[in-house]
Amino acid sequence: QVQLGESGGGLVQPGGSLRLSCATSGLTFSSYAMRWYRQAPGKERELVASITSNGVSTNYADSVKGRFTISRDNAKKTVYLQMNSLKPEDTAVYYCNAHFQSIVTYNYWGQGTQVTVSS
């Protein structure tokens, strides 16, 4: 059974930092690209950051470039999202996603963690 579990969310003041973690089990973690999405109230879910299975390549939404960093530890089967210089518009539920695409495609989601940026 595949499980993804996010942690590290919470309430932070503007300009602050948070580090999200997503621990996984039940999948060959090193074969999956990992992504962080977020969904704010009344808005569609958007892709925030992604990292390839070997961790060599990363991509970011324009809105978070230079502030967020995605990383992974394949030995711990965990992906991270370091969020710095947080803004109120970063407030959302953040979801971890594991993506594998070959002849077949697999997509797995975590339950999400709330991030609130407010003074």
PDB file of N, CA and C in Angstrom:
ATOM      1  N   GLN A   1       0.843  -1.186   0.000  1.00  0.00           N
ATOM      2  CA  GLN A   1       0.000   0.000   0.000  1.00  0.00           C
ATOM      3  C   GLN A   1       0.886   1.245   0.000  1.00  0.00           C
ATOM      4  N   VAL A   2       0.649   2.096  -0.985  1.00  0.00           N
ATOM      5  CA  VAL A   2       1.439   3.308  -1.098  1.00  0.00           C
ATOM      6  C   VAL A   2       0.888   4.373  -0.153  1.00  0.00           C
ATOM      7  N   GLN A   3       1.783   5.002   0.580  1.00  0.00           N
ATOM      8  CA  GLN A   3       1.382   6.083   1.478  1.00  0.00           C
ATOM      9  C   GLN A   3       2.334   7.260   1.341  1.00  0.00           C
ATOM     10  N   LEU A   4       1.769   8.453   1.304  1.00  0.00           N
ATOM     11  CA  LEU A   4       2.523   9.699   1.318  1.00  0.00           C
ATOM     12  C   LEU A   4       1.994  10.531   2.463  1.00  0.00           C
ATOM     13  N   GLY A   5       2.882  11.023   3.301  1.00  0.00           N
ATOM     14  CA  GLY A   5       2.464  11.786   4.468  1.00  0.00           C
ATOM     15  C   GLY A   5       3.225  13.079   4.601  1.00  0.00           C
ATOM     16  N   GLU A   6       2.517  14.207   4.432  1.00  0.00           N
ATOM     17  CA  GLU A   6       3.144  15.522   4.557  1.00  0.00           C
ATOM     18  C   GLU A   6       3.176  15.970   6.013  1.00  0.00           C
ATOM     19  N   SER A   7       4.164  16.764   6.337  1.00  0.00           N
ATOM     20  CA  SER A   7       4.267  17.374   7.658  1.00  0.00           C
ATOM     21  C   SER A   7       5.046  18.674   7.526  1.00  0.00           C
ATOM     22  N   GLY A   8       4.969  19.489   8.580  1.00  0.00           N
ATOM     23  CA  GLY A   8       5.745  20.721   8.609  1.00  0.00           C
ATOM     24  C   GLY A   8       4.956  21.986   8.340  1.00  0.00           C
ATOM     25  N   GLY A   9       3.681  21.855   8.023  1.00  0.00           N
ATOM     26  CA  GLY A   9       2.878  23.042   7.797  1.00  0.00           C
ATOM     27  C   GLY A   9       2.574  23.757   9.097  1.00  0.00           C
ATOM     28  N   GLY A  10       1.960  24.934   8.970  1.00  0.00           N
ATOM     29  CA  GLY A  10       1.592  25.695  10.158  1.00  0.00           C
ATOM     30  C   GLY A  10       1.365  27.146   9.847  1.00  0.00           C
ATOM     31  N   LEU A  11       1.325  27.949  10.892  1.00  0.00           N
ATOM     32  CA  LEU A  11       1.115  29.391  10.785  1.00  0.00           C
ATOM     33  C   LEU A  11       2.465  30.093  10.902  1.00  0.00           C
ATOM     34  N   VAL A  12       2.739  30.977   9.971  1.00  0.00           N
ATOM     35  CA  VAL A  12       4.010  31.698   9.977  1.00  0.00           C
ATOM     36  C   VAL A  12       3.748  33.138   9.550  1.00  0.00           C
ATOM     37  N   GLN A  13       4.548  34.052  10.059  1.00  0.00           N
ATOM     38  CA  GLN A  13       4.416  35.455   9.681  1.00  0.00           C
ATOM     39  C   GLN A  13       5.030  35.705   8.312  1.00  0.00           C
ATOM     40  N   PRO A  14       4.557  36.730   7.620  1.00  0.00           N
ATOM     41  CA  PRO A  14       5.185  37.091   6.339  1.00  0.00           C
ATOM     42  C   PRO A  14       6.682  37.299   6.502  1.00  0.00           C
ATOM     43  N   GLY A  15       7.429  36.771   5.539  1.00  0.00           N
ATOM     44  CA  GLY A  15       8.882  36.827   5.601  1.00  0.00           C
ATOM     45  C   GLY A  15       9.510  35.639   6.296  1.00  0.00           C
ATOM     46  N   GLY A  16       8.699  34.816   6.922  1.00  0.00           N
ATOM     47  CA  GLY A  16       9.204  33.659   7.635  1.00  0.00           C
ATOM     48  C   GLY A  16       9.477  32.463   6.736  1.00  0.00           C
ATOM     49  N   SER A  17       9.851  31.372   7.377  1.00  0.00           N
ATOM     50  CA  SER A  17      10.216  30.153   6.649  1.00  0.00           C
ATOM     51  C   SER A  17       9.526  28.937   7.244  1.00  0.00           C
ATOM     52  N   LEU A  18       9.317  27.962   6.397  1.00  0.00           N
ATOM     53  CA  LEU A  18       8.822  26.651   6.801  1.00  0.00           C
ATOM     54  C   LEU A  18       9.504  25.602   5.936  1.00  0.00           C
ATOM     55  N   ARG A  19       9.632  24.422   6.492  1.00  0.00           N
ATOM     56  CA  ARG A  19      10.145  23.292   5.718  1.00  0.00           C
ATOM     57  C   ARG A  19       9.127  22.163   5.756  1.00  0.00           C
ATOM     58  N   LEU A  20       8.594  21.845   4.599  1.00  0.00           N
ATOM     59  CA  LEU A  20       7.661  20.735   4.489  1.00  0.00           C
ATOM     60  C   LEU A  20       8.414  19.448   4.186  1.00  0.00           C
ATOM     61  N   SER A  21       7.902  18.363   4.733  1.00  0.00           N
ATOM     62  CA  SER A  21       8.450  17.041   4.444  1.00  0.00           C
ATOM     63  C   SER A  21       7.325  16.141   3.954  1.00  0.00           C
ATOM     64  N   CYS A  22       7.684  15.210   3.108  1.00  0.00           N
ATOM     65  CA  CYS A  22       6.731  14.205   2.639  1.00  0.00           C
ATOM     66  C   CYS A  22       7.428  12.851   2.701  1.00  0.00           C
ATOM     67  N   ALA A  23       7.046  12.067   3.681  1.00  0.00           N
ATOM     68  CA  ALA A  23       7.601  10.730   3.830  1.00  0.00           C
ATOM     69  C   ALA A  23       6.737   9.735   3.066  1.00  0.00           C
ATOM     70  N   THR A  24       7.385   8.814   2.390  1.00  0.00           N
ATOM     71  CA  THR A  24       6.649   7.859   1.575  1.00  0.00           C
ATOM     72  C   THR A  24       6.946   6.423   1.997  1.00  0.00           C
ATOM     73  N   SER A  25       6.038   5.543   1.630  1.00  0.00           N
ATOM     74  CA  SER A  25       6.249   4.122   1.841  1.00  0.00           C
ATOM     75  C   SER A  25       5.441   3.363   0.806  1.00  0.00           C
ATOM     76  N   GLY A  26       5.880   2.128   0.549  1.00  0.00           N
ATOM     77  CA  GLY A  26       5.130   1.274  -0.357  1.00  0.00           C
ATOM     78  C   GLY A  26       5.405   1.493  -1.826  1.00  0.00           C
ATOM     79  N   LEU A  27       6.380   2.328  -2.155  1.00  0.00           N
ATOM     80  CA  LEU A  27       6.727   2.524  -3.551  1.00  0.00           C
ATOM     81  C   LEU A  27       8.251   2.569  -3.701  1.00  0.00           C
ATOM     82  N   THR A  28       8.710   2.339  -4.918  1.00  0.00           N
ATOM     83  CA  THR A  28      10.136   2.433  -5.209  1.00  0.00           C
ATOM     84  C   THR A  28      10.453   3.911  -5.403  1.00  0.00           C
ATOM     85  N   PHE A  29      10.724   4.553  -4.307  1.00  0.00           N
ATOM     86  CA  PHE A  29      10.813   6.020  -4.271  1.00  0.00           C
ATOM     87  C   PHE A  29      11.783   6.555  -5.313  1.00  0.00           C
ATOM     88  N   SER A  30      12.899   5.904  -5.483  1.00  0.00           N
ATOM     89  CA  SER A  30      13.938   6.415  -6.377  1.00  0.00           C
ATOM     90  C   SER A  30      13.538   6.363  -7.847  1.00  0.00           C
ATOM     91  N   SER A  31      12.408   5.741  -8.144  1.00  0.00           N
ATOM     92  CA  SER A  31      11.922   5.673  -9.528  1.00  0.00           C
ATOM     93  C   SER A  31      10.901   6.759  -9.838  1.00  0.00           C
ATOM     94  N   TYR A  32      10.495   7.499  -8.826  1.00  0.00           N
ATOM     95  CA  TYR A  32       9.413   8.464  -8.986  1.00  0.00           C
ATOM     96  C   TYR A  32       9.929   9.896  -9.002  1.00  0.00           C
ATOM     97  N   ALA A  33       9.410  10.660  -9.959  1.00  0.00           N
ATOM     98  CA  ALA A  33       9.538  12.104  -9.845  1.00  0.00           C
ATOM     99  C   ALA A  33       8.614  12.553  -8.718  1.00  0.00           C
ATOM    100  N   MET A  34       9.028  13.578  -8.007  1.00  0.00           N
ATOM    101  CA  MET A  34       8.230  14.066  -6.884  1.00  0.00           C
ATOM    102  C   MET A  34       7.858  15.522  -7.120  1.00  0.00           C
ATOM    103  N   ARG A  35       6.660  15.838  -6.708  1.00  0.00           N
ATOM    104  CA  ARG A  35       6.148  17.189  -6.941  1.00  0.00           C
ATOM    105  C   ARG A  35       5.442  17.704  -5.701  1.00  0.00           C
ATOM    106  N   TRP A  36       5.472  19.017  -5.542  1.00  0.00           N
ATOM    107  CA  TRP A  36       4.649  19.697  -4.543  1.00  0.00           C
ATOM    108  C   TRP A  36       3.623  20.553  -5.289  1.00  0.00           C
ATOM    109  N   TYR A  37       2.382  20.392  -4.907  1.00  0.00           N
ATOM    110  CA  TYR A  37       1.295  21.216  -5.402  1.00  0.00           C
ATOM    111  C   TYR A  37       0.723  22.005  -4.219  1.00  0.00           C
ATOM    112  N   ARG A  38      -0.063  23.013  -4.564  1.00  0.00           N
ATOM    113  CA  ARG A  38      -0.805  23.719  -3.516  1.00  0.00           C
ATOM    114  C   ARG A  38      -2.161  24.138  -4.058  1.00  0.00           C
ATOM    115  N   GLN A  39      -3.073  24.287  -3.122  1.00  0.00           N
ATOM    116  CA  GLN A  39      -4.424  24.723  -3.484  1.00  0.00           C
ATOM    117  C   GLN A  39      -4.921  25.705  -2.439  1.00  0.00           C
ATOM    118  N   ALA A  40      -5.171  26.916  -2.891  1.00  0.00           N
ATOM    119  CA  ALA A  40      -5.718  27.948  -2.030  1.00  0.00           C
ATOM    120  C   ALA A  40      -7.238  27.911  -2.136  1.00  0.00           C
ATOM    121  N   PRO A  41      -7.927  28.436  -1.129  1.00  0.00           N
ATOM    122  CA  PRO A  41      -9.402  28.433  -1.148  1.00  0.00           C
ATOM    123  C   PRO A  41      -9.942  29.107  -2.408  1.00  0.00           C
ATOM    124  N   GLY A  42     -10.837  28.411  -3.090  1.00  0.00           N
ATOM    125  CA  GLY A  42     -11.461  28.975  -4.275  1.00  0.00           C
ATOM    126  C   GLY A  42     -10.612  28.958  -5.520  1.00  0.00           C
ATOM    127  N   LYS A  43      -9.441  28.349  -5.433  1.00  0.00           N
ATOM    128  CA  LYS A  43      -8.543  28.306  -6.585  1.00  0.00           C
ATOM    129  C   LYS A  43      -8.233  26.865  -6.967  1.00  0.00           C
ATOM    130  N   GLU A  44      -7.748  26.706  -8.196  1.00  0.00           N
ATOM    131  CA  GLU A  44      -7.368  25.386  -8.648  1.00  0.00           C
ATOM    132  C   GLU A  44      -6.020  24.972  -8.056  1.00  0.00           C
ATOM    133  N   ARG A  45      -5.814  23.677  -8.004  1.00  0.00           N
ATOM    134  CA  ARG A  45      -4.538  23.170  -7.526  1.00  0.00           C
ATOM    135  C   ARG A  45      -3.456  23.520  -8.534  1.00  0.00           C
ATOM    136  N   GLU A  46      -2.327  24.023  -8.046  1.00  0.00           N
ATOM    137  CA  GLU A  46      -1.253  24.413  -8.936  1.00  0.00           C
ATOM    138  C   GLU A  46       0.049  23.718  -8.564  1.00  0.00           C
ATOM    139  N   LEU A  47       0.855  23.446  -9.585  1.00  0.00           N
ATOM    140  CA  LEU A  47       2.157  22.837  -9.377  1.00  0.00           C
ATOM    141  C   LEU A  47       3.133  23.893  -8.878  1.00  0.00           C
ATOM    142  N   VAL A  48       3.786  23.609  -7.768  1.00  0.00           N
ATOM    143  CA  VAL A  48       4.707  24.553  -7.152  1.00  0.00           C
ATOM    144  C   VAL A  48       6.153  24.217  -7.508  1.00  0.00           C
ATOM    145  N   ALA A  49       6.505  22.940  -7.353  1.00  0.00           N
ATOM    146  CA  ALA A  49       7.892  22.539  -7.591  1.00  0.00           C
ATOM    147  C   ALA A  49       7.936  21.062  -7.927  1.00  0.00           C
ATOM    148  N   SER A  50       8.951  20.677  -8.703  1.00  0.00           N
ATOM    149  CA  SER A  50       9.117  19.274  -9.038  1.00  0.00           C
ATOM    150  C   SER A  50      10.599  18.923  -9.054  1.00  0.00           C
ATOM    151  N   ILE A  51      10.874  17.641  -8.861  1.00  0.00           N
ATOM    152  CA  ILE A  51      12.249  17.153  -8.865  1.00  0.00           C
ATOM    153  C   ILE A  51      12.260  15.781  -9.523  1.00  0.00           C
ATOM    154  N   THR A  52      13.267  15.548 -10.349  1.00  0.00           N
ATOM    155  CA  THR A  52      13.358  14.264 -11.036  1.00  0.00           C
ATOM    156  C   THR A  52      13.704  13.143 -10.063  1.00  0.00           C
ATOM    157  N   SER A  53      13.564  11.924 -10.542  1.00  0.00           N
ATOM    158  CA  SER A  53      13.754  10.758  -9.669  1.00  0.00           C
ATOM    159  C   SER A  53      15.176  10.697  -9.090  1.00  0.00           C
ATOM    160  N   ASN A  54      16.142  11.161  -9.867  1.00  0.00           N
ATOM    161  CA  ASN A  54      17.530  11.119  -9.378  1.00  0.00           C
ATOM    162  C   ASN A  54      17.946  12.424  -8.699  1.00  0.00           C
ATOM    163  N   GLY A  55      17.025  13.370  -8.634  1.00  0.00           N
ATOM    164  CA  GLY A  55      17.309  14.627  -7.942  1.00  0.00           C
ATOM    165  C   GLY A  55      18.158  15.613  -8.716  1.00  0.00           C
ATOM    166  N   VAL A  56      18.457  15.304  -9.961  1.00  0.00           N
ATOM    167  CA  VAL A  56      19.364  16.162 -10.725  1.00  0.00           C
ATOM    168  C   VAL A  56      18.688  17.440 -11.200  1.00  0.00           C
ATOM    169  N   SER A  57      17.425  17.332 -11.579  1.00  0.00           N
ATOM    170  CA  SER A  57      16.732  18.469 -12.175  1.00  0.00           C
ATOM    171  C   SER A  57      15.529  18.882 -11.345  1.00  0.00           C
ATOM    172  N   THR A  58      15.369  20.203 -11.206  1.00  0.00           N
ATOM    173  CA  THR A  58      14.226  20.752 -10.477  1.00  0.00           C
ATOM    174  C   THR A  58      13.556  21.827 -11.319  1.00  0.00           C
ATOM    175  N   ASN A  59      12.285  22.053 -11.036  1.00  0.00           N
ATOM    176  CA  ASN A  59      11.535  23.115 -11.697  1.00  0.00           C
ATOM    177  C   ASN A  59      10.613  23.775 -10.686  1.00  0.00           C
ATOM    178  N   TYR A  60      10.358  25.061 -10.910  1.00  0.00           N
ATOM    179  CA  TYR A  60       9.547  25.828  -9.974  1.00  0.00           C
ATOM    180  C   TYR A  60       8.541  26.703 -10.718  1.00  0.00           C
ATOM    181  N   ALA A  61       7.416  26.928 -10.071  1.00  0.00           N
ATOM    182  CA  ALA A  61       6.484  27.933 -10.565  1.00  0.00           C
ATOM    183  C   ALA A  61       7.148  29.298 -10.448  1.00  0.00           C
ATOM    184  N   ASP A  62       6.813  30.180 -11.367  1.00  0.00           N
ATOM    185  CA  ASP A  62       7.418  31.515 -11.343  1.00  0.00           C
ATOM    186  C   ASP A  62       7.169  32.231 -10.014  1.00  0.00           C
ATOM    187  N   SER A  63       6.033  31.969  -9.428  1.00  0.00           N
ATOM    188  CA  SER A  63       5.654  32.675  -8.202  1.00  0.00           C
ATOM    189  C   SER A  63       6.521  32.308  -6.999  1.00  0.00           C
ATOM    190  N   VAL A  64       7.261  31.208  -7.085  1.00  0.00           N
ATOM    191  CA  VAL A  64       8.067  30.773  -5.932  1.00  0.00           C
ATOM    192  C   VAL A  64       9.563  30.697  -6.240  1.00  0.00           C
ATOM    193  N   LYS A  65       9.939  30.955  -7.477  1.00  0.00           N
ATOM    194  CA  LYS A  65      11.354  30.877  -7.852  1.00  0.00           C
ATOM    195  C   LYS A  65      12.187  31.811  -6.986  1.00  0.00           C
ATOM    196  N   GLY A  66      13.299  31.284  -6.505  1.00  0.00           N
ATOM    197  CA  GLY A  66      14.188  32.070  -5.669  1.00  0.00           C
ATOM    198  C   GLY A  66      13.811  32.065  -4.200  1.00  0.00           C
ATOM    199  N   ARG A  67      12.632  31.553  -3.883  1.00  0.00           N
ATOM    200  CA  ARG A  67      12.183  31.502  -2.480  1.00  0.00           C
ATOM    201  C   ARG A  67      12.026  30.069  -1.974  1.00  0.00           C
ATOM    202  N   PHE A  68      11.597  29.168  -2.853  1.00  0.00           N
ATOM    203  CA  PHE A  68      11.354  27.774  -2.459  1.00  0.00           C
ATOM    204  C   PHE A  68      12.432  26.878  -3.059  1.00  0.00           C
ATOM    205  N   THR A  69      12.750  25.814  -2.327  1.00  0.00           N
ATOM    206  CA  THR A  69      13.709  24.822  -2.815  1.00  0.00           C
ATOM    207  C   THR A  69      13.173  23.428  -2.546  1.00  0.00           C
ATOM    208  N   ILE A  70      13.093  22.630  -3.582  1.00  0.00           N
ATOM    209  CA  ILE A  70      12.683  21.244  -3.446  1.00  0.00           C
ATOM    210  C   ILE A  70      13.928  20.365  -3.415  1.00  0.00           C
ATOM    211  N   SER A  71      13.889  19.343  -2.572  1.00  0.00           N
ATOM    212  CA  SER A  71      15.011  18.404  -2.497  1.00  0.00           C
ATOM    213  C   SER A  71      14.462  17.040  -2.098  1.00  0.00           C
ATOM    214  N   ARG A  72      15.292  16.034  -2.225  1.00  0.00           N
ATOM    215  CA  ARG A  72      14.864  14.684  -1.876  1.00  0.00           C
ATOM    216  C   ARG A  72      16.016  13.901  -1.282  1.00  0.00           C
ATOM    217  N   ASP A  73      15.639  12.931  -0.458  1.00  0.00           N
ATOM    218  CA  ASP A  73      16.595  11.991   0.116  1.00  0.00           C
ATOM    219  C   ASP A  73      16.087  10.600  -0.236  1.00  0.00           C
ATOM    220  N   ASN A  74      16.688   9.992  -1.227  1.00  0.00           N
ATOM    221  CA  ASN A  74      16.179   8.697  -1.690  1.00  0.00           C
ATOM    222  C   ASN A  74      16.396   7.601  -0.651  1.00  0.00           C
ATOM    223  N   ALA A  75      17.396   7.756   0.174  1.00  0.00           N
ATOM    224  CA  ALA A  75      17.621   6.760   1.225  1.00  0.00           C
ATOM    225  C   ALA A  75      16.499   6.803   2.266  1.00  0.00           C
ATOM    226  N   LYS A  76      15.986   7.999   2.531  1.00  0.00           N
ATOM    227  CA  LYS A  76      14.910   8.157   3.513  1.00  0.00           C
ATOM    228  C   LYS A  76      13.527   8.131   2.859  1.00  0.00           C
ATOM    229  N   LYS A  77      13.499   8.053   1.512  1.00  0.00           N
ATOM    230  CA  LYS A  77      12.234   8.046   0.780  1.00  0.00           C
ATOM    231  C   LYS A  77      11.387   9.265   1.134  1.00  0.00           C
ATOM    232  N   THR A  78      12.028  10.388   1.180  1.00  0.00           N
ATOM    233  CA  THR A  78      11.387  11.621   1.622  1.00  0.00           C
ATOM    234  C   THR A  78      11.738  12.758   0.676  1.00  0.00           C
ATOM    235  N   VAL A  79      10.741  13.609   0.423  1.00  0.00           N
ATOM    236  CA  VAL A  79      10.956  14.824  -0.357  1.00  0.00           C
ATOM    237  C   VAL A  79      10.649  16.017   0.536  1.00  0.00           C
ATOM    238  N   TYR A  80      11.361  17.119   0.285  1.00  0.00           N
ATOM    239  CA  TYR A  80      11.244  18.304   1.124  1.00  0.00           C
ATOM    240  C   TYR A  80      10.910  19.522   0.276  1.00  0.00           C
ATOM    241  N   LEU A  81      10.311  20.497   0.929  1.00  0.00           N
ATOM    242  CA  LEU A  81      10.106  21.794   0.305  1.00  0.00           C
ATOM    243  C   LEU A  81      10.485  22.858   1.332  1.00  0.00           C
ATOM    244  N   GLN A  82      11.622  23.496   1.094  1.00  0.00           N
ATOM    245  CA  GLN A  82      12.049  24.601   1.941  1.00  0.00           C
ATOM    246  C   GLN A  82      11.434  25.871   1.394  1.00  0.00           C
ATOM    247  N   MET A  83      10.674  26.557   2.239  1.00  0.00           N
ATOM    248  CA  MET A  83       9.968  27.760   1.825  1.00  0.00           C
ATOM    249  C   MET A  83      10.480  28.941   2.630  1.00  0.00           C
ATOM    250  N   ASN A  84      11.086  29.884   1.949  1.00  0.00           N
ATOM    251  CA  ASN A  84      11.611  31.097   2.589  1.00  0.00           C
ATOM    252  C   ASN A  84      10.876  32.327   2.085  1.00  0.00           C
ATOM    253  N   SER A  85      11.036  33.408   2.795  1.00  0.00           N
ATOM    254  CA  SER A  85      10.418  34.688   2.412  1.00  0.00           C
ATOM    255  C   SER A  85       8.940  34.510   2.082  1.00  0.00           C
ATOM    256  N   LEU A  86       8.252  33.847   2.965  1.00  0.00           N
ATOM    257  CA  LEU A  86       6.855  33.516   2.712  1.00  0.00           C
ATOM    258  C   LEU A  86       5.983  34.757   2.648  1.00  0.00           C
ATOM    259  N   LYS A  87       4.981  34.679   1.779  1.00  0.00           N
ATOM    260  CA  LYS A  87       4.045  35.775   1.557  1.00  0.00           C
ATOM    261  C   LYS A  87       2.629  35.295   1.867  1.00  0.00           C
ATOM    262  N   PRO A  88       1.734  36.219   2.165  1.00  0.00           N
ATOM    263  CA  PRO A  88       0.342  35.799   2.417  1.00  0.00           C
ATOM    264  C   PRO A  88      -0.258  34.998   1.253  1.00  0.00           C
ATOM    265  N   GLU A  89       0.150  35.302   0.046  1.00  0.00           N
ATOM    266  CA  GLU A  89      -0.390  34.579  -1.107  1.00  0.00           C
ATOM    267  C   GLU A  89       0.138  33.151  -1.224  1.00  0.00           C
ATOM    268  N   ASP A  90       1.076  32.776  -0.372  1.00  0.00           N
ATOM    269  CA  ASP A  90       1.526  31.384  -0.315  1.00  0.00           C
ATOM    270  C   ASP A  90       0.601  30.520   0.539  1.00  0.00           C
ATOM    271  N   THR A  91      -0.358  31.147   1.196  1.00  0.00           N
ATOM    272  CA  THR A  91      -1.304  30.415   2.024  1.00  0.00           C
ATOM    273  C   THR A  91      -2.099  29.425   1.179  1.00  0.00           C
ATOM    274  N   ALA A  92      -2.062  28.165   1.583  1.00  0.00           N
ATOM    275  CA  ALA A  92      -2.717  27.105   0.815  1.00  0.00           C
ATOM    276  C   ALA A  92      -2.530  25.786   1.549  1.00  0.00           C
ATOM    277  N   VAL A  93      -3.235  24.779   1.063  1.00  0.00           N
ATOM    278  CA  VAL A  93      -2.930  23.407   1.452  1.00  0.00           C
ATOM    279  C   VAL A  93      -1.892  22.880   0.456  1.00  0.00           C
ATOM    280  N   TYR A  94      -0.806  22.359   0.991  1.00  0.00           N
ATOM    281  CA  TYR A  94       0.283  21.857   0.167  1.00  0.00           C
ATOM    282  C   TYR A  94       0.224  20.325   0.111  1.00  0.00           C
ATOM    283  N   TYR A  95       0.291  19.812  -1.120  1.00  0.00           N
ATOM    284  CA  TYR A  95       0.179  18.378  -1.348  1.00  0.00           C
ATOM    285  C   TYR A  95       1.451  17.836  -1.983  1.00  0.00           C
ATOM    286  N   CYS A  96       1.816  16.674  -1.540  1.00  0.00           N
ATOM    287  CA  CYS A  96       2.931  15.933  -2.108  1.00  0.00           C
ATOM    288  C   CYS A  96       2.385  14.961  -3.162  1.00  0.00           C
ATOM    289  N   ASN A  97       3.108  14.828  -4.249  1.00  0.00           N
ATOM    290  CA  ASN A  97       2.696  13.936  -5.335  1.00  0.00           C
ATOM    291  C   ASN A  97       3.881  13.108  -5.812  1.00  0.00           C
ATOM    292  N   ALA A  98       3.650  11.824  -6.004  1.00  0.00           N
ATOM    293  CA  ALA A  98       4.658  10.925  -6.577  1.00  0.00           C
ATOM    294  C   ALA A  98       4.185  10.516  -7.966  1.00  0.00           C
ATOM    295  N   HIS A  99       5.039  10.706  -8.948  1.00  0.00           N
ATOM    296  CA  HIS A  99       4.649  10.488 -10.342  1.00  0.00           C
ATOM    297  C   HIS A  99       5.634   9.567 -11.037  1.00  0.00           C
ATOM    298  N   PHE A 100       5.098   8.513 -11.651  1.00  0.00           N
ATOM    299  CA  PHE A 100       5.914   7.596 -12.439  1.00  0.00           C
ATOM    300  C   PHE A 100       5.260   7.429 -13.794  1.00  0.00           C
ATOM    301  N   GLN A 101       6.041   7.584 -14.849  1.00  0.00           N
ATOM    302  CA  GLN A 101       5.483   7.434 -16.183  1.00  0.00           C
ATOM    303  C   GLN A 101       6.414   6.620 -17.051  1.00  0.00           C
ATOM    304  N   SER A 102       5.879   5.518 -17.557  1.00  0.00           N
ATOM    305  CA  SER A 102       6.610   4.692 -18.509  1.00  0.00           C
ATOM    306  C   SER A 102       5.558   4.162 -19.471  1.00  0.00           C
ATOM    307  N   ILE A 103       5.444   2.877 -19.601  1.00  0.00           N
ATOM    308  CA  ILE A 103       4.344   2.312 -20.374  1.00  0.00           C
ATOM    309  C   ILE A 103       3.044   2.571 -19.620  1.00  0.00           C
ATOM    310  N   VAL A 104       3.125   2.527 -18.316  1.00  0.00           N
ATOM    311  CA  VAL A 104       1.991   2.866 -17.448  1.00  0.00           C
ATOM    312  C   VAL A 104       2.338   4.116 -16.649  1.00  0.00           C
ATOM    313  N   THR A 105       1.317   4.706 -16.108  1.00  0.00           N
ATOM    314  CA  THR A 105       1.494   5.914 -15.296  1.00  0.00           C
ATOM    315  C   THR A 105       0.913   5.683 -13.918  1.00  0.00           C
ATOM    316  N   TYR A 106       1.684   6.076 -12.911  1.00  0.00           N
ATOM    317  CA  TYR A 106       1.212   6.002 -11.535  1.00  0.00           C
ATOM    318  C   TYR A 106       1.302   7.394 -10.915  1.00  0.00           C
ATOM    319  N   ASN A 107       0.268   7.742 -10.205  1.00  0.00           N
ATOM    320  CA  ASN A 107       0.220   9.009  -9.483  1.00  0.00           C
ATOM    321  C   ASN A 107      -0.329   8.768  -8.092  1.00  0.00           C
ATOM    322  N   TYR A 108       0.404   9.220  -7.104  1.00  0.00           N
ATOM    323  CA  TYR A 108      -0.039   9.072  -5.722  1.00  0.00           C
ATOM    324  C   TYR A 108       0.014  10.431  -5.026  1.00  0.00           C
ATOM    325  N   TRP A 109      -0.961  10.623  -4.116  1.00  0.00           N
ATOM    326  CA  TRP A 109      -1.086  11.907  -3.418  1.00  0.00           C
ATOM    327  C   TRP A 109      -1.061  11.720  -1.912  1.00  0.00           C
ATOM    328  N   GLY A 110      -0.526  12.731  -1.241  1.00  0.00           N
ATOM    329  CA  GLY A 110      -0.656  12.800   0.197  1.00  0.00           C
ATOM    330  C   GLY A 110      -1.953  13.487   0.573  1.00  0.00           C
ATOM    331  N   GLN A 111      -2.179  13.611   1.880  1.00  0.00           N
ATOM    332  CA  GLN A 111      -3.443  14.184   2.371  1.00  0.00           C
ATOM    333  C   GLN A 111      -3.381  15.699   2.467  1.00  0.00           C
ATOM    334  N   GLY A 112      -2.181  16.267   2.357  1.00  0.00           N
ATOM    335  CA  GLY A 112      -2.023  17.712   2.387  1.00  0.00           C
ATOM    336  C   GLY A 112      -1.687  18.240   3.767  1.00  0.00           C
ATOM    337  N   THR A 113      -1.011  19.372   3.773  1.00  0.00           N
ATOM    338  CA  THR A 113      -0.706  20.073   5.014  1.00  0.00           C
ATOM    339  C   THR A 113      -0.964  21.561   4.826  1.00  0.00           C
ATOM    340  N   GLN A 114      -1.596  22.171   5.810  1.00  0.00           N
ATOM    341  CA  GLN A 114      -1.990  23.582   5.705  1.00  0.00           C
ATOM    342  C   GLN A 114      -0.813  24.500   6.010  1.00  0.00           C
ATOM    343  N   VAL A 115      -0.607  25.454   5.132  1.00  0.00           N
ATOM    344  CA  VAL A 115       0.358  26.525   5.364  1.00  0.00           C
ATOM    345  C   VAL A 115      -0.403  27.844   5.354  1.00  0.00           C
ATOM    346  N   THR A 116      -0.291  28.586   6.442  1.00  0.00           N
ATOM    347  CA  THR A 116      -0.948  29.884   6.560  1.00  0.00           C
ATOM    348  C   THR A 116       0.096  30.945   6.847  1.00  0.00           C
ATOM    349  N   VAL A 117       0.141  31.945   5.987  1.00  0.00           N
ATOM    350  CA  VAL A 117       1.084  33.053   6.154  1.00  0.00           C
ATOM    351  C   VAL A 117       0.277  34.287   6.507  1.00  0.00           C
ATOM    352  N   SER A 118       0.427  34.728   7.742  1.00  0.00           N
ATOM    353  CA  SER A 118      -0.382  35.841   8.224  1.00  0.00           C
ATOM    354  C   SER A 118       0.294  36.484   9.419  1.00  0.00           C
ATOM    355  N   SER A 119       0.085  37.795   9.539  1.00  0.00           N
ATOM    356  CA  SER A 119       0.602  38.502  10.706  1.00  0.00           C
ATOM    357  C   SER A 119      -0.462  38.595  11.792  1.00  0.00           C
TER     358      SER A 119
END
